[in-house]
Amino acid sequence: MTCNRFQKITQYFHASDRAAEPRRGHQGYDKLYKVREVITAVSEAFRRGYTLSREVAVDEAIIKFTGRLAFRQYMPAKPIKRGMKIWMLCDSNSGFLSRFEVYLGRQDNRTEHGLG
C-alpha cells in the first residue's frame, strides 16, 4: 500500500457519528467514543470465537504510548512506564484473550480498591 493511499484511508475512515458525540462534562460522555464501536466489535468477536477453559486469569497490560492522552497511566516500577492500561481476561492454558476493557482512570475522584 502506498503512503498516499494509507493517508486517504485514515483521512476518510470514521467509526462513530461525530454529530451525536456527547460533550465533555455532559451525561453519557465517553473518552473512547470515537473508537467504542470498534472496541466492542473486536471484544465480541474474541468472546464468540473461543470457549474458555476452567482456568482463567484477569491481568493488566500496558500499551506503550507517550503522546497526549487523558487516560494515560504512569507506573514508575514497570518496564513500560507510560501508556494505556487494559484489563484482560485470558485463558490460562492457551493465553487467548477473551475479554478486555480499557482503564480510563478513576471516576469522580474516588479511591479505587481491589482492581487487581
PDB file of N, CA and C in Angstrom:
ATOM      1  N   MET A   1       0.854  -1.168   0.000  1.00  0.00           N
ATOM      2  CA  MET A   1       0.000   0.000   0.000  1.00  0.00           C
ATOM      3  C   MET A   1       0.904   1.236   0.000  1.00  0.00           C
ATOM      4  N   THR A   2       0.563   2.174  -0.824  1.00  0.00           N
ATOM      5  CA  THR A   2       1.373   3.388  -0.882  1.00  0.00           C
ATOM      6  C   THR A   2       1.045   4.294   0.303  1.00  0.00           C
ATOM      7  N   CYS A   3       1.934   5.202   0.577  1.00  0.00           N
ATOM      8  CA  CYS A   3       1.759   6.148   1.684  1.00  0.00           C
ATOM      9  C   CYS A   3       0.537   7.039   1.440  1.00  0.00           C
ATOM     10  N   ASN A   4       0.356   7.498   0.213  1.00  0.00           N
ATOM     11  CA  ASN A   4      -0.779   8.368  -0.096  1.00  0.00           C
ATOM     12  C   ASN A   4      -2.107   7.642   0.080  1.00  0.00           C
ATOM     13  N   ARG A   5      -2.163   6.360  -0.307  1.00  0.00           N
ATOM     14  CA  ARG A   5      -3.391   5.584  -0.141  1.00  0.00           C
ATOM     15  C   ARG A   5      -3.711   5.413   1.341  1.00  0.00           C
ATOM     16  N   PHE A   6      -2.698   5.090   2.138  1.00  0.00           N
ATOM     17  CA  PHE A   6      -2.903   4.938   3.583  1.00  0.00           C
ATOM     18  C   PHE A   6      -3.408   6.241   4.202  1.00  0.00           C
ATOM     19  N   GLN A   7      -2.834   7.365   3.827  1.00  0.00           N
ATOM     20  CA  GLN A   7      -3.264   8.656   4.362  1.00  0.00           C
ATOM     21  C   GLN A   7      -4.708   8.967   3.975  1.00  0.00           C
ATOM     22  N   LYS A   8      -5.115   8.645   2.771  1.00  0.00           N
ATOM     23  CA  LYS A   8      -6.503   8.876   2.349  1.00  0.00           C
ATOM     24  C   LYS A   8      -7.467   7.988   3.129  1.00  0.00           C
ATOM     25  N   ILE A   9      -7.090   6.717   3.341  1.00  0.00           N
ATOM     26  CA  ILE A   9      -7.954   5.818   4.111  1.00  0.00           C
ATOM     27  C   ILE A   9      -8.124   6.343   5.526  1.00  0.00           C
ATOM     28  N   THR A  10      -7.045   6.730   6.184  1.00  0.00           N
ATOM     29  CA  THR A  10      -7.147   7.238   7.551  1.00  0.00           C
ATOM     30  C   THR A  10      -7.871   8.581   7.602  1.00  0.00           C
ATOM     31  N   GLN A  11      -7.813   9.361   6.531  1.00  0.00           N
ATOM     32  CA  GLN A  11      -8.498  10.639   6.499  1.00  0.00           C
ATOM     33  C   GLN A  11     -10.016  10.461   6.444  1.00  0.00           C
ATOM     34  N   TYR A  12     -10.488   9.465   5.702  1.00  0.00           N
ATOM     35  CA  TYR A  12     -11.916   9.301   5.487  1.00  0.00           C
ATOM     36  C   TYR A  12     -12.559   8.210   6.329  1.00  0.00           C
ATOM     37  N   PHE A  13     -11.791   7.411   7.051  1.00  0.00           N
ATOM     38  CA  PHE A  13     -12.348   6.333   7.867  1.00  0.00           C
ATOM     39  C   PHE A  13     -12.802   6.880   9.214  1.00  0.00           C
ATOM     40  N   HIS A  14     -14.078   6.706   9.538  1.00  0.00           N
ATOM     41  CA  HIS A  14     -14.629   7.109  10.826  1.00  0.00           C
ATOM     42  C   HIS A  14     -15.471   5.962  11.366  1.00  0.00           C
ATOM     43  N   ALA A  15     -15.337   5.689  12.659  1.00  0.00           N
ATOM     44  CA  ALA A  15     -16.073   4.586  13.274  1.00  0.00           C
ATOM     45  C   ALA A  15     -17.225   5.077  14.137  1.00  0.00           C
ATOM     46  N   SER A  16     -17.469   6.384  14.172  1.00  0.00           N
ATOM     47  CA  SER A  16     -18.537   6.917  15.019  1.00  0.00           C
ATOM     48  C   SER A  16     -19.176   8.135  14.356  1.00  0.00           C
ATOM     49  N   ASP A  17     -20.336   8.500  14.881  1.00  0.00           N
ATOM     50  CA  ASP A  17     -21.054   9.676  14.408  1.00  0.00           C
ATOM     51  C   ASP A  17     -20.641  10.861  15.265  1.00  0.00           C
ATOM     52  N   ARG A  18     -19.843  11.755  14.724  1.00  0.00           N
ATOM     53  CA  ARG A  18     -19.340  12.893  15.490  1.00  0.00           C
ATOM     54  C   ARG A  18     -20.452  13.856  15.887  1.00  0.00           C
ATOM     55  N   ALA A  19     -21.536  13.914  15.127  1.00  0.00           N
ATOM     56  CA  ALA A  19     -22.627  14.832  15.448  1.00  0.00           C
ATOM     57  C   ALA A  19     -23.373  14.396  16.712  1.00  0.00           C
ATOM     58  N   ALA A  20     -23.385  13.082  16.994  1.00  0.00           N
ATOM     59  CA  ALA A  20     -24.102  12.574  18.166  1.00  0.00           C
ATOM     60  C   ALA A  20     -23.199  12.437  19.388  1.00  0.00           C
ATOM     61  N   GLU A  21     -21.941  12.824  19.270  1.00  0.00           N
ATOM     62  CA  GLU A  21     -20.989  12.669  20.374  1.00  0.00           C
ATOM     63  C   GLU A  21     -21.349  13.596  21.541  1.00  0.00           C
ATOM     64  N   PRO A  22     -21.507  13.038  22.755  1.00  0.00           N
ATOM     65  CA  PRO A  22     -21.801  13.887  23.914  1.00  0.00           C
ATOM     66  C   PRO A  22     -20.598  14.760  24.268  1.00  0.00           C
ATOM     67  N   ARG A  23     -20.855  15.956  24.717  1.00  0.00           N
ATOM     68  CA  ARG A  23     -19.785  16.878  25.100  1.00  0.00           C
ATOM     69  C   ARG A  23     -19.189  16.489  26.441  1.00  0.00           C
ATOM     70  N   ARG A  24     -17.939  16.887  26.642  1.00  0.00           N
ATOM     71  CA  ARG A  24     -17.268  16.620  27.908  1.00  0.00           C
ATOM     72  C   ARG A  24     -18.031  17.281  29.058  1.00  0.00           C
ATOM     73  N   GLY A  25     -18.241  16.515  30.111  1.00  0.00           N
ATOM     74  CA  GLY A  25     -18.970  17.019  31.265  1.00  0.00           C
ATOM     75  C   GLY A  25     -20.458  16.726  31.232  1.00  0.00           C
ATOM     76  N   HIS A  26     -20.980  16.361  30.079  1.00  0.00           N
ATOM     77  CA  HIS A  26     -22.397  16.026  29.963  1.00  0.00           C
ATOM     78  C   HIS A  26     -22.609  14.545  30.254  1.00  0.00           C
ATOM     79  N   GLN A  27     -23.849  14.190  30.553  1.00  0.00           N
ATOM     80  CA  GLN A  27     -24.184  12.806  30.834  1.00  0.00           C
ATOM     81  C   GLN A  27     -23.967  11.958  29.578  1.00  0.00           C
ATOM     82  N   GLY A  28     -23.377  10.795  29.748  1.00  0.00           N
ATOM     83  CA  GLY A  28     -23.122   9.906  28.627  1.00  0.00           C
ATOM     84  C   GLY A  28     -21.801  10.151  27.927  1.00  0.00           C
ATOM     85  N   TYR A  29     -20.968  11.069  28.447  1.00  0.00           N
ATOM     86  CA  TYR A  29     -19.670  11.343  27.830  1.00  0.00           C
ATOM     87  C   TYR A  29     -18.763  10.123  27.968  1.00  0.00           C
ATOM     88  N   ASP A  30     -18.098   9.743  26.898  1.00  0.00           N
ATOM     89  CA  ASP A  30     -17.196   8.597  26.881  1.00  0.00           C
ATOM     90  C   ASP A  30     -15.887   9.027  26.243  1.00  0.00           C
ATOM     91  N   LYS A  31     -14.778   8.808  26.947  1.00  0.00           N
ATOM     92  CA  LYS A  31     -13.472   9.194  26.420  1.00  0.00           C
ATOM     93  C   LYS A  31     -13.096   8.388  25.185  1.00  0.00           C
ATOM     94  N   LEU A  32     -13.674   7.202  25.055  1.00  0.00           N
ATOM     95  CA  LEU A  32     -13.379   6.334  23.912  1.00  0.00           C
ATOM     96  C   LEU A  32     -14.503   6.321  22.880  1.00  0.00           C
ATOM     97  N   TYR A  33     -15.292   7.372  22.823  1.00  0.00           N
ATOM     98  CA  TYR A  33     -16.467   7.401  21.952  1.00  0.00           C
ATOM     99  C   TYR A  33     -16.110   7.137  20.488  1.00  0.00           C
ATOM    100  N   LYS A  34     -15.023   7.710  20.017  1.00  0.00           N
ATOM    101  CA  LYS A  34     -14.679   7.610  18.602  1.00  0.00           C
ATOM    102  C   LYS A  34     -14.313   6.189  18.180  1.00  0.00           C
ATOM    103  N   VAL A  35     -13.841   5.375  19.111  1.00  0.00           N
ATOM    104  CA  VAL A  35     -13.440   4.008  18.776  1.00  0.00           C
ATOM    105  C   VAL A  35     -14.233   2.952  19.546  1.00  0.00           C
ATOM    106  N   ARG A  36     -15.245   3.349  20.286  1.00  0.00           N
ATOM    107  CA  ARG A  36     -16.016   2.413  21.111  1.00  0.00           C
ATOM    108  C   ARG A  36     -16.666   1.312  20.266  1.00  0.00           C
ATOM    109  N   GLU A  37     -17.192   1.648  19.089  1.00  0.00           N
ATOM    110  CA  GLU A  37     -17.817   0.648  18.224  1.00  0.00           C
ATOM    111  C   GLU A  37     -16.804  -0.409  17.795  1.00  0.00           C
ATOM    112  N   VAL A  38     -15.597  -0.007  17.459  1.00  0.00           N
ATOM    113  CA  VAL A  38     -14.559  -0.948  17.035  1.00  0.00           C
ATOM    114  C   VAL A  38     -14.145  -1.824  18.209  1.00  0.00           C
ATOM    115  N   ILE A  39     -13.943  -1.223  19.388  1.00  0.00           N
ATOM    116  CA  ILE A  39     -13.554  -1.983  20.572  1.00  0.00           C
ATOM    117  C   ILE A  39     -14.628  -3.006  20.927  1.00  0.00           C
ATOM    118  N   THR A  40     -15.883  -2.619  20.872  1.00  0.00           N
ATOM    119  CA  THR A  40     -16.982  -3.532  21.181  1.00  0.00           C
ATOM    120  C   THR A  40     -17.046  -4.677  20.179  1.00  0.00           C
ATOM    121  N   ALA A  41     -16.891  -4.392  18.908  1.00  0.00           N
ATOM    122  CA  ALA A  41     -16.945  -5.432  17.878  1.00  0.00           C
ATOM    123  C   ALA A  41     -15.797  -6.425  18.029  1.00  0.00           C
ATOM    124  N   VAL A  42     -14.606  -5.934  18.290  1.00  0.00           N
ATOM    125  CA  VAL A  42     -13.445  -6.815  18.463  1.00  0.00           C
ATOM    126  C   VAL A  42     -13.607  -7.665  19.714  1.00  0.00           C
ATOM    127  N   SER A  43     -14.041  -7.060  20.806  1.00  0.00           N
ATOM    128  CA  SER A  43     -14.229  -7.794  22.049  1.00  0.00           C
ATOM    129  C   SER A  43     -15.287  -8.886  21.888  1.00  0.00           C
ATOM    130  N   GLU A  44     -16.384  -8.589  21.203  1.00  0.00           N
ATOM    131  CA  GLU A  44     -17.423  -9.590  20.973  1.00  0.00           C
ATOM    132  C   GLU A  44     -16.926 -10.716  20.071  1.00  0.00           C
ATOM    133  N   ALA A  45     -16.133 -10.399  19.072  1.00  0.00           N
ATOM    134  CA  ALA A  45     -15.579 -11.426  18.193  1.00  0.00           C
ATOM    135  C   ALA A  45     -14.636 -12.345  18.964  1.00  0.00           C
ATOM    136  N   PHE A  46     -13.820 -11.786  19.847  1.00  0.00           N
ATOM    137  CA  PHE A  46     -12.935 -12.605  20.682  1.00  0.00           C
ATOM    138  C   PHE A  46     -13.753 -13.518  21.585  1.00  0.00           C
ATOM    139  N   ARG A  47     -14.812 -12.983  22.174  1.00  0.00           N
ATOM    140  CA  ARG A  47     -15.636 -13.750  23.106  1.00  0.00           C
ATOM    141  C   ARG A  47     -16.361 -14.894  22.396  1.00  0.00           C
ATOM    142  N   ARG A  48     -16.887 -14.626  21.198  1.00  0.00           N
ATOM    143  CA  ARG A  48     -17.601 -15.650  20.450  1.00  0.00           C
ATOM    144  C   ARG A  48     -16.681 -16.688  19.829  1.00  0.00           C
ATOM    145  N   GLY A  49     -15.470 -16.305  19.514  1.00  0.00           N
ATOM    146  CA  GLY A  49     -14.565 -17.170  18.759  1.00  0.00           C
ATOM    147  C   GLY A  49     -13.861 -18.240  19.554  1.00  0.00           C
ATOM    148  N   TYR A  50     -13.954 -18.223  20.875  1.00  0.00           N
ATOM    149  CA  TYR A  50     -13.197 -19.179  21.675  1.00  0.00           C
ATOM    150  C   TYR A  50     -13.933 -19.450  22.979  1.00  0.00           C
ATOM    151  N   THR A  51     -13.964 -20.706  23.393  1.00  0.00           N
ATOM    152  CA  THR A  51     -14.572 -21.078  24.662  1.00  0.00           C
ATOM    153  C   THR A  51     -13.471 -21.223  25.698  1.00  0.00           C
ATOM    154  N   LEU A  52     -13.590 -20.498  26.781  1.00  0.00           N
ATOM    155  CA  LEU A  52     -12.561 -20.520  27.817  1.00  0.00           C
ATOM    156  C   LEU A  52     -12.558 -21.855  28.556  1.00  0.00           C
ATOM    157  N   SER A  53     -11.381 -22.230  29.053  1.00  0.00           N
ATOM    158  CA  SER A  53     -11.281 -23.407  29.909  1.00  0.00           C
ATOM    159  C   SER A  53     -11.636 -22.993  31.343  1.00  0.00           C
ATOM    160  N   ARG A  54     -11.478 -23.909  32.285  1.00  0.00           N
ATOM    161  CA  ARG A  54     -11.803 -23.596  33.680  1.00  0.00           C
ATOM    162  C   ARG A  54     -10.834 -22.602  34.292  1.00  0.00           C
ATOM    163  N   GLU A  55      -9.573 -22.645  33.848  1.00  0.00           N
ATOM    164  CA  GLU A  55      -8.555 -21.776  34.422  1.00  0.00           C
ATOM    165  C   GLU A  55      -8.439 -20.497  33.592  1.00  0.00           C
ATOM    166  N   VAL A  56      -8.832 -19.382  34.209  1.00  0.00           N
ATOM    167  CA  VAL A  56      -8.724 -18.082  33.551  1.00  0.00           C
ATOM    168  C   VAL A  56      -7.940 -17.132  34.454  1.00  0.00           C
ATOM    169  N   ALA A  57      -7.425 -16.078  33.863  1.00  0.00           N
ATOM    170  CA  ALA A  57      -6.654 -15.093  34.610  1.00  0.00           C
ATOM    171  C   ALA A  57      -7.112 -13.697  34.217  1.00  0.00           C
ATOM    172  N   VAL A  58      -7.226 -12.831  35.205  1.00  0.00           N
ATOM    173  CA  VAL A  58      -7.501 -11.418  34.975  1.00  0.00           C
ATOM    174  C   VAL A  58      -6.209 -10.678  35.273  1.00  0.00           C
ATOM    175  N   ASP A  59      -5.744  -9.901  34.318  1.00  0.00           N
ATOM    176  CA  ASP A  59      -4.479  -9.209  34.498  1.00  0.00           C
ATOM    177  C   ASP A  59      -4.529  -7.879  33.759  1.00  0.00           C
ATOM    178  N   GLU A  60      -3.560  -7.050  34.053  1.00  0.00           N
ATOM    179  CA  GLU A  60      -3.459  -5.757  33.382  1.00  0.00           C
ATOM    180  C   GLU A  60      -2.327  -5.804  32.374  1.00  0.00           C
ATOM    181  N   ALA A  61      -2.455  -5.025  31.340  1.00  0.00           N
ATOM    182  CA  ALA A  61      -1.415  -4.883  30.331  1.00  0.00           C
ATOM    183  C   ALA A  61      -1.267  -3.398  30.036  1.00  0.00           C
ATOM    184  N   ILE A  62      -0.084  -3.015  29.652  1.00  0.00           N
ATOM    185  CA  ILE A  62       0.184  -1.625  29.292  1.00  0.00           C
ATOM    186  C   ILE A  62       0.563  -1.586  27.817  1.00  0.00           C
ATOM    187  N   ILE A  63      -0.113  -0.753  27.069  1.00  0.00           N
ATOM    188  CA  ILE A  63       0.259  -0.489  25.681  1.00  0.00           C
ATOM    189  C   ILE A  63       1.071   0.793  25.692  1.00  0.00           C
ATOM    190  N   LYS A  64       2.306   0.709  25.272  1.00  0.00           N
ATOM    191  CA  LYS A  64       3.201   1.857  25.341  1.00  0.00           C
ATOM    192  C   LYS A  64       2.658   3.014  24.509  1.00  0.00           C
ATOM    193  N   PHE A  65       2.574   4.169  25.159  1.00  0.00           N
ATOM    194  CA  PHE A  65       2.093   5.382  24.498  1.00  0.00           C
ATOM    195  C   PHE A  65       2.662   6.575  25.249  1.00  0.00           C
ATOM    196  N   THR A  66       3.362   7.443  24.560  1.00  0.00           N
ATOM    197  CA  THR A  66       3.975   8.596  25.215  1.00  0.00           C
ATOM    198  C   THR A  66       3.365   9.920  24.775  1.00  0.00           C
ATOM    199  N   GLY A  67       2.338   9.873  23.945  1.00  0.00           N
ATOM    200  CA  GLY A  67       1.692  11.096  23.474  1.00  0.00           C
ATOM    201  C   GLY A  67       0.746  11.677  24.513  1.00  0.00           C
ATOM    202  N   ARG A  68      -0.055  12.632  24.078  1.00  0.00           N
ATOM    203  CA  ARG A  68      -1.030  13.259  24.970  1.00  0.00           C
ATOM    204  C   ARG A  68      -2.318  12.466  24.947  1.00  0.00           C
ATOM    205  N   LEU A  69      -2.759  12.067  26.137  1.00  0.00           N
ATOM    206  CA  LEU A  69      -3.952  11.261  26.278  1.00  0.00           C
ATOM    207  C   LEU A  69      -4.481  11.444  27.682  1.00  0.00           C
ATOM    208  N   ALA A  70      -5.786  11.617  27.821  1.00  0.00           N
ATOM    209  CA  ALA A  70      -6.378  11.915  29.125  1.00  0.00           C
ATOM    210  C   ALA A  70      -6.287  10.736  30.086  1.00  0.00           C
ATOM    211  N   PHE A  71      -6.267   9.518  29.586  1.00  0.00           N
ATOM    212  CA  PHE A  71      -6.261   8.356  30.475  1.00  0.00           C
ATOM    213  C   PHE A  71      -4.938   7.587  30.418  1.00  0.00           C
ATOM    214  N   ARG A  72      -3.866   8.251  30.042  1.00  0.00           N
ATOM    215  CA  ARG A  72      -2.539   7.630  30.049  1.00  0.00           C
ATOM    216  C   ARG A  72      -2.100   7.403  31.488  1.00  0.00           C
ATOM    217  N   GLN A  73      -1.539   6.235  31.757  1.00  0.00           N
ATOM    218  CA  GLN A  73      -1.103   5.869  33.100  1.00  0.00           C
ATOM    219  C   GLN A  73       0.415   5.966  33.190  1.00  0.00           C
ATOM    220  N   TYR A  74       0.902   6.305  34.386  1.00  0.00           N
ATOM    221  CA  TYR A  74       2.338   6.328  34.642  1.00  0.00           C
ATOM    222  C   TYR A  74       2.617   5.421  35.823  1.00  0.00           C
ATOM    223  N   MET A  75       3.435   4.400  35.595  1.00  0.00           N
ATOM    224  CA  MET A  75       3.805   3.460  36.642  1.00  0.00           C
ATOM    225  C   MET A  75       5.323   3.317  36.629  1.00  0.00           C
ATOM    226  N   PRO A  76       6.013   3.995  37.553  1.00  0.00           N
ATOM    227  CA  PRO A  76       7.481   4.025  37.514  1.00  0.00           C
ATOM    228  C   PRO A  76       8.145   2.675  37.766  1.00  0.00           C
ATOM    229  N   ALA A  77       7.480   1.742  38.431  1.00  0.00           N
ATOM    230  CA  ALA A  77       8.100   0.460  38.755  1.00  0.00           C
ATOM    231  C   ALA A  77       7.971  -0.571  37.621  1.00  0.00           C
ATOM    232  N   LYS A  78       7.253  -0.257  36.566  1.00  0.00           N
ATOM    233  CA  LYS A  78       7.018  -1.206  35.476  1.00  0.00           C
ATOM    234  C   LYS A  78       8.034  -1.004  34.350  1.00  0.00           C
ATOM    235  N   PRO A  79       8.281  -2.060  33.550  1.00  0.00           N
ATOM    236  CA  PRO A  79       9.197  -1.904  32.407  1.00  0.00           C
ATOM    237  C   PRO A  79       8.689  -0.885  31.382  1.00  0.00           C
ATOM    238  N   ILE A  80       7.377  -0.882  31.122  1.00  0.00           N
ATOM    239  CA  ILE A  80       6.772   0.145  30.272  1.00  0.00           C
ATOM    240  C   ILE A  80       6.138   1.150  31.228  1.00  0.00           C
ATOM    241  N   LYS A  81       6.728   2.328  31.333  1.00  0.00           N
ATOM    242  CA  LYS A  81       6.341   3.278  32.373  1.00  0.00           C
ATOM    243  C   LYS A  81       5.099   4.101  32.028  1.00  0.00           C
ATOM    244  N   ARG A  82       4.917   4.432  30.758  1.00  0.00           N
ATOM    245  CA  ARG A  82       3.786   5.268  30.350  1.00  0.00           C
ATOM    246  C   ARG A  82       2.996   4.573  29.252  1.00  0.00           C
ATOM    247  N   GLY A  83       1.679   4.623  29.388  1.00  0.00           N
ATOM    248  CA  GLY A  83       0.863   4.028  28.347  1.00  0.00           C
ATOM    249  C   GLY A  83      -0.582   3.886  28.761  1.00  0.00           C
ATOM    250  N   MET A  84      -1.330   3.123  27.960  1.00  0.00           N
ATOM    251  CA  MET A  84      -2.740   2.862  28.226  1.00  0.00           C
ATOM    252  C   MET A  84      -2.852   1.530  28.956  1.00  0.00           C
ATOM    253  N   LYS A  85      -3.566   1.536  30.081  1.00  0.00           N
ATOM    254  CA  LYS A  85      -3.765   0.309  30.844  1.00  0.00           C
ATOM    255  C   LYS A  85      -5.019  -0.387  30.354  1.00  0.00           C
ATOM    256  N   ILE A  86      -4.885  -1.700  30.159  1.00  0.00           N
ATOM    257  CA  ILE A  86      -6.003  -2.508  29.697  1.00  0.00           C
ATOM    258  C   ILE A  86      -6.143  -3.703  30.626  1.00  0.00           C
ATOM    259  N   TRP A  87      -7.369  -3.942  31.107  1.00  0.00           N
ATOM    260  CA  TRP A  87      -7.674  -5.126  31.902  1.00  0.00           C
ATOM    261  C   TRP A  87      -8.098  -6.221  30.940  1.00  0.00           C
ATOM    262  N   MET A  88      -7.531  -7.435  31.146  1.00  0.00           N
ATOM    263  CA  MET A  88      -7.772  -8.524  30.217  1.00  0.00           C
ATOM    264  C   MET A  88      -8.214  -9.780  30.956  1.00  0.00           C
ATOM    265  N   LEU A  89      -9.111 -10.528  30.335  1.00  0.00           N
ATOM    266  CA  LEU A  89      -9.498 -11.855  30.798  1.00  0.00           C
ATOM    267  C   LEU A  89      -8.948 -12.835  29.781  1.00  0.00           C
ATOM    268  N   CYS A  90      -8.011 -13.688  30.220  1.00  0.00           N
ATOM    269  CA  CYS A  90      -7.325 -14.605  29.319  1.00  0.00           C
ATOM    270  C   CYS A  90      -7.453 -16.036  29.799  1.00  0.00           C
ATOM    271  N   ASP A  91      -7.371 -16.960  28.866  1.00  0.00           N
ATOM    272  CA  ASP A  91      -7.336 -18.377  29.178  1.00  0.00           C
ATOM    273  C   ASP A  91      -5.932 -18.702  29.677  1.00  0.00           C
ATOM    274  N   SER A  92      -5.828 -19.339  30.834  1.00  0.00           N
ATOM    275  CA  SER A  92      -4.518 -19.641  31.412  1.00  0.00           C
ATOM    276  C   SER A  92      -3.779 -20.721  30.640  1.00  0.00           C
ATOM    277  N   ASN A  93      -4.492 -21.628  30.004  1.00  0.00           N
ATOM    278  CA  ASN A  93      -3.840 -22.718  29.274  1.00  0.00           C
ATOM    279  C   ASN A  93      -3.261 -22.258  27.938  1.00  0.00           C
ATOM    280  N   SER A  94      -4.031 -21.516  27.172  1.00  0.00           N
ATOM    281  CA  SER A  94      -3.593 -21.128  25.835  1.00  0.00           C
ATOM    282  C   SER A  94      -3.121 -19.678  25.745  1.00  0.00           C
ATOM    283  N   GLY A  95      -3.488 -18.848  26.724  1.00  0.00           N
ATOM    284  CA  GLY A  95      -3.131 -17.431  26.665  1.00  0.00           C
ATOM    285  C   GLY A  95      -4.052 -16.614  25.775  1.00  0.00           C
ATOM    286  N   PHE A  96      -5.165 -17.179  25.332  1.00  0.00           N
ATOM    287  CA  PHE A  96      -6.094 -16.481  24.445  1.00  0.00           C
ATOM    288  C   PHE A  96      -6.799 -15.356  25.197  1.00  0.00           C
ATOM    289  N   LEU A  97      -6.835 -14.195  24.597  1.00  0.00           N
ATOM    290  CA  LEU A  97      -7.531 -13.040  25.163  1.00  0.00           C
ATOM    291  C   LEU A  97      -9.016 -13.159  24.850  1.00  0.00           C
ATOM    292  N   SER A  98      -9.842 -13.241  25.899  1.00  0.00           N
ATOM    293  CA  SER A  98     -11.274 -13.406  25.698  1.00  0.00           C
ATOM    294  C   SER A  98     -12.023 -12.091  25.804  1.00  0.00           C
ATOM    295  N   ARG A  99     -11.724 -11.304  26.816  1.00  0.00           N
ATOM    296  CA  ARG A  99     -12.370 -10.004  27.008  1.00  0.00           C
ATOM    297  C   ARG A  99     -11.326  -8.987  27.433  1.00  0.00           C
ATOM    298  N   PHE A 100     -11.590  -7.734  27.121  1.00  0.00           N
ATOM    299  CA  PHE A 100     -10.681  -6.678  27.553  1.00  0.00           C
ATOM    300  C   PHE A 100     -11.461  -5.392  27.773  1.00  0.00           C
ATOM    301  N   GLU A 101     -10.899  -4.536  28.604  1.00  0.00           N
ATOM    302  CA  GLU A 101     -11.513  -3.248  28.908  1.00  0.00           C
ATOM    303  C   GLU A 101     -10.407  -2.224  29.114  1.00  0.00           C
ATOM    304  N   VAL A 102     -10.513  -1.096  28.456  1.00  0.00           N
ATOM    305  CA  VAL A 102      -9.538  -0.027  28.601  1.00  0.00           C
ATOM    306  C   VAL A 102      -9.825   0.715  29.895  1.00  0.00           C
ATOM    307  N   TYR A 103      -8.797   0.869  30.739  1.00  0.00           N
ATOM    308  CA  TYR A 103      -8.951   1.572  32.008  1.00  0.00           C
ATOM    309  C   TYR A 103      -8.860   3.075  31.738  1.00  0.00           C
ATOM    310  N   LEU A 104      -9.911   3.805  32.079  1.00  0.00           N
ATOM    311  CA  LEU A 104      -9.986   5.236  31.790  1.00  0.00           C
ATOM    312  C   LEU A 104      -9.650   6.105  32.993  1.00  0.00           C
ATOM    313  N   GLY A 105      -9.122   5.531  34.049  1.00  0.00           N
ATOM    314  CA  GLY A 105      -8.801   6.300  35.248  1.00  0.00           C
ATOM    315  C   GLY A 105      -9.947   6.271  36.229  1.00  0.00           C
ATOM    316  N   ARG A 106      -9.674   6.773  37.407  1.00  0.00           N
ATOM    317  CA  ARG A 106     -10.725   6.738  38.420  1.00  0.00           C
ATOM    318  C   ARG A 106     -11.830   7.729  38.085  1.00  0.00           C
ATOM    319  N   GLN A 107     -13.014   7.371  38.481  1.00  0.00           N
ATOM    320  CA  GLN A 107     -14.194   8.179  38.200  1.00  0.00           C
ATOM    321  C   GLN A 107     -14.586   8.976  39.445  1.00  0.00           C
ATOM    322  N   ASP A 108     -14.958  10.201  39.306  1.00  0.00           N
ATOM    323  CA  ASP A 108     -15.461  11.071  40.378  1.00  0.00           C
ATOM    324  C   ASP A 108     -14.461  11.232  41.519  1.00  0.00           C
ATOM    325  N   ASN A 109     -13.153  11.137  41.232  1.00  0.00           N
ATOM    326  CA  ASN A 109     -12.086  11.336  42.227  1.00  0.00           C
ATOM    327  C   ASN A 109     -12.242  10.464  43.460  1.00  0.00           C
ATOM    328  N   ARG A 110     -12.812   9.267  43.301  1.00  0.00           N
ATOM    329  CA  ARG A 110     -12.936   8.323  44.402  1.00  0.00           C
ATOM    330  C   ARG A 110     -11.747   7.380  44.389  1.00  0.00           C
ATOM    331  N   THR A 111     -11.288   6.967  45.580  1.00  0.00           N
ATOM    332  CA  THR A 111     -10.222   5.999  45.675  1.00  0.00           C
ATOM    333  C   THR A 111     -10.742   4.635  45.280  1.00  0.00           C
ATOM    334  N   GLU A 112      -9.995   3.919  44.449  1.00  0.00           N
ATOM    335  CA  GLU A 112     -10.416   2.619  43.988  1.00  0.00           C
ATOM    336  C   GLU A 112      -9.612   1.543  44.671  1.00  0.00           C
ATOM    337  N   HIS A 113     -10.285   0.516  45.132  1.00  0.00           N
ATOM    338  CA  HIS A 113      -9.633  -0.598  45.793  1.00  0.00           C
ATOM    339  C   HIS A 113      -9.977  -1.895  45.080  1.00  0.00           C
ATOM    340  N   GLY A 114      -9.061  -2.844  45.128  1.00  0.00           N
ATOM    341  CA  GLY A 114      -9.331  -4.177  44.618  1.00  0.00           C
ATOM    342  C   GLY A 114      -9.437  -4.291  43.117  1.00  0.00           C
ATOM    343  N   LEU A 115      -8.745  -3.440  42.360  1.00  0.00           N
ATOM    344  CA  LEU A 115      -8.826  -3.526  40.907  1.00  0.00           C
ATOM    345  C   LEU A 115      -8.177  -4.794  40.390  1.00  0.00           C
ATOM    346  N   GLY A 116      -7.076  -5.189  41.005  1.00  0.00           N
ATOM    347  CA  GLY A 116      -6.362  -6.395  40.550  1.00  0.00           C
ATOM    348  C   GLY A 116      -7.033  -7.610  41.083  1.00  0.00           C
TER     349      GLY A 116
END
